[in-house]
Amino acid sequence: MIGYYNYTVVLTYISLASSVFGMTQAIHGRFKTAILCLAISGLCDMFDGKIARTKKDRTEDEKAFGIQIDSLCDVVCFGCYLLGVRGPIGIAAIILYCVNSVVRLAYFNVMEAKNALVTETGEKYYRGLPITSMAIVLPLVFMVQFF
């Protein structure tokens, strides 16, 4: 098999599986289950990097793979949720969101590879709104519909 399979990427894969299952639930109109899956995915994504950094003997290839697989999974997990999107304006909005998500993640990966997102004191920082914010925004929008 191609890739790396160790505990450093397990949460990323769980996040992906949860989101894919959630999307199938959204397609069938089970929005509560879909939102729960999105929240689980967001929770997994919150901790996957922290867990990956606990393994001190990772090779450079393993680190680079982790960065890439995390971004690719983030596009699926948080960039492709189509809960209730209808009509040309809704479809245009989701296309714009997906394109912007991919561009932001690609930018992050390029900057991460160049170590350009580190301050002079060694602290990491990020530019732009993370794609994972959808794990917070979408459930809030869903809950507001009830009021």
Protein backbone atom coordinates (compact mmCIF):
# COMPACT_ATOMS: atom_id res chain seq x y z
CA MET A 1 0.00 0.00 0.00
CA ILE A 2 1.09 3.54 -0.69
CA GLY A 3 1.29 6.02 2.18
CA TYR A 4 2.04 5.95 5.87
CA TYR A 5 -0.15 4.16 8.35
CA ASN A 6 0.65 4.90 11.95
CA TYR A 7 -1.08 6.56 14.85
CA THR A 8 -0.11 10.04 13.64
CA VAL A 9 -2.74 9.99 10.87
CA VAL A 10 -5.47 7.86 12.47
CA LEU A 11 -7.57 10.83 13.61
CA THR A 12 -7.36 12.33 10.13
CA TYR A 13 -8.76 9.13 8.66
CA ILE A 14 -11.50 8.95 11.33
CA SER A 15 -12.40 12.56 10.51
CA LEU A 16 -12.65 11.70 6.82
CA ALA A 17 -14.79 8.61 7.47
CA SER A 18 -17.11 10.57 9.76
CA SER A 19 -17.60 13.32 7.18
CA VAL A 20 -18.22 10.95 4.29
CA PHE A 21 -20.82 9.13 6.38
CA GLY A 22 -22.31 12.49 7.36
CA MET A 23 -22.61 13.53 3.72
CA THR A 24 -24.52 10.34 2.93
CA GLN A 25 -26.86 11.16 5.81
CA ALA A 26 -27.36 14.72 4.53
CA ILE A 27 -28.26 13.39 1.09
CA HIS A 28 -30.95 11.24 2.72
CA GLY A 29 -32.30 14.19 4.72
CA ARG A 30 -30.91 13.09 8.09
CA PHE A 31 -29.47 16.49 8.92
CA LYS A 32 -29.07 15.96 12.67
CA THR A 33 -26.86 12.92 12.06
CA ALA A 34 -24.95 14.82 9.37
CA ILE A 35 -24.28 17.74 11.74
CA LEU A 36 -23.14 15.31 14.45
CA CYS A 37 -20.73 13.70 11.97
CA LEU A 38 -19.42 17.13 11.02
CA ALA A 39 -18.86 17.98 14.69
CA ILE A 40 -17.00 14.69 15.24
CA SER A 41 -14.89 15.43 12.21
CA GLY A 42 -14.09 18.89 13.53
CA LEU A 43 -13.12 17.46 16.91
CA CYS A 44 -10.80 14.92 15.29
CA ASP A 45 -9.24 17.64 13.15
CA MET A 46 -8.62 19.76 16.22
CA PHE A 47 -6.37 17.11 17.73
CA ASP A 48 -4.78 15.30 14.77
CA GLY A 49 -1.82 17.69 14.50
CA LYS A 50 -1.19 17.61 18.23
CA ILE A 51 -1.10 13.81 18.18
CA ALA A 52 1.15 13.76 15.12
CA ARG A 53 3.65 16.04 16.85
CA THR A 54 3.96 13.58 19.77
CA LYS A 55 5.87 11.16 17.55
CA LYS A 56 9.37 12.58 17.68
CA ASP A 57 11.04 10.10 15.31
CA ARG A 58 8.92 10.93 12.23
CA THR A 59 10.86 11.16 9.00
CA GLU A 60 10.58 14.23 6.78
CA ASP A 61 8.50 12.15 4.35
CA GLU A 62 6.09 11.17 7.13
CA LYS A 63 5.73 14.82 8.17
CA ALA A 64 5.13 15.96 4.60
CA PHE A 65 2.64 13.13 4.05
CA GLY A 66 0.78 14.14 7.22
CA ILE A 67 0.51 17.75 6.04
CA GLN A 68 -0.78 16.71 2.62
CA ILE A 69 -3.22 14.06 3.85
CA ASP A 70 -4.61 16.48 6.45
CA SER A 71 -5.29 19.14 3.81
CA LEU A 72 -6.80 16.68 1.35
CA CYS A 73 -9.08 15.27 4.04
CA ASP A 74 -10.02 18.80 5.16
CA VAL A 75 -11.27 19.58 1.65
CA VAL A 76 -13.56 16.56 1.77
CA CYS A 77 -14.53 16.97 5.42
CA PHE A 78 -15.23 20.69 5.49
CA GLY A 79 -15.27 21.87 1.89
CA CYS A 80 -17.93 19.63 0.43
CA TYR A 81 -20.83 19.74 2.87
CA LEU A 82 -23.90 20.62 0.82
CA LEU A 83 -26.61 20.58 3.49
CA GLY A 84 -29.73 21.93 1.86
CA VAL A 85 -27.98 23.92 -0.88
CA ARG A 86 -30.49 24.61 -3.64
CA GLY A 87 -30.83 26.88 -6.64
CA PRO A 88 -28.24 28.65 -8.75
CA ILE A 89 -27.20 31.12 -6.03
CA GLY A 90 -26.69 28.33 -3.49
CA ILE A 91 -24.73 26.25 -5.96
CA ALA A 92 -22.59 29.27 -6.91
CA ALA A 93 -21.92 29.95 -3.22
CA ILE A 94 -20.81 26.37 -2.54
CA ILE A 95 -18.58 26.36 -5.66
CA LEU A 96 -16.97 29.62 -4.54
CA TYR A 97 -16.50 28.23 -1.02
CA CYS A 98 -14.93 25.00 -2.33
CA VAL A 99 -12.56 26.81 -4.70
CA ASN A 100 -11.49 29.21 -1.95
CA SER A 101 -11.00 26.29 0.43
CA VAL A 102 -8.71 24.46 -1.96
CA VAL A 103 -6.71 27.62 -2.72
CA ARG A 104 -6.26 28.41 0.98
CA LEU A 105 -5.14 24.84 1.78
CA ALA A 106 -2.72 24.79 -1.15
CA TYR A 107 -1.29 28.14 0.00
CA PHE A 108 -0.91 26.77 3.52
CA ASN A 109 0.88 23.65 2.25
CA VAL A 110 3.31 25.69 0.14
CA MET A 111 4.08 28.04 3.02
CA GLU A 112 4.41 25.13 5.45
CA ALA A 113 6.88 23.38 3.15
CA LYS A 114 8.97 26.55 3.02
CA ASN A 115 8.61 27.01 6.80
CA ALA A 116 7.33 30.50 5.96
CA LEU A 117 4.56 30.50 8.57
CA VAL A 118 6.89 30.69 11.54
CA THR A 119 7.72 33.93 13.36
CA GLU A 120 11.25 34.92 14.32
CA THR A 121 10.57 33.52 17.80
CA GLY A 122 9.65 30.13 16.35
CA GLU A 123 5.86 30.37 16.81
CA LYS A 124 3.56 29.14 14.04
CA TYR A 125 0.83 31.39 12.68
CA TYR A 126 -1.80 31.08 9.97
CA ARG A 127 -3.21 33.38 7.32
CA GLY A 128 -6.84 33.28 6.35
CA LEU A 129 -9.86 31.58 7.81
CA PRO A 130 -9.30 27.86 8.34
CA ILE A 131 -11.56 25.58 6.35
CA THR A 132 -12.37 23.74 9.57
CA SER A 133 -14.40 26.75 10.73
CA MET A 134 -17.23 25.13 8.76
CA ALA A 135 -17.48 22.60 11.61
CA ILE A 136 -18.65 25.49 13.81
CA VAL A 137 -20.49 27.69 11.32
CA LEU A 138 -22.68 25.04 9.68
CA PRO A 139 -24.12 23.60 12.93
CA LEU A 140 -24.88 27.16 14.10
CA VAL A 141 -26.68 27.94 10.84
CA PHE A 142 -28.59 24.67 11.16
CA MET A 143 -29.66 25.49 14.74
CA VAL A 144 -30.72 29.04 13.80
CA GLN A 145 -33.21 27.57 11.32
CA PHE A 146 -35.28 26.33 14.27
CA PHE A 147 -35.71 29.88 15.55
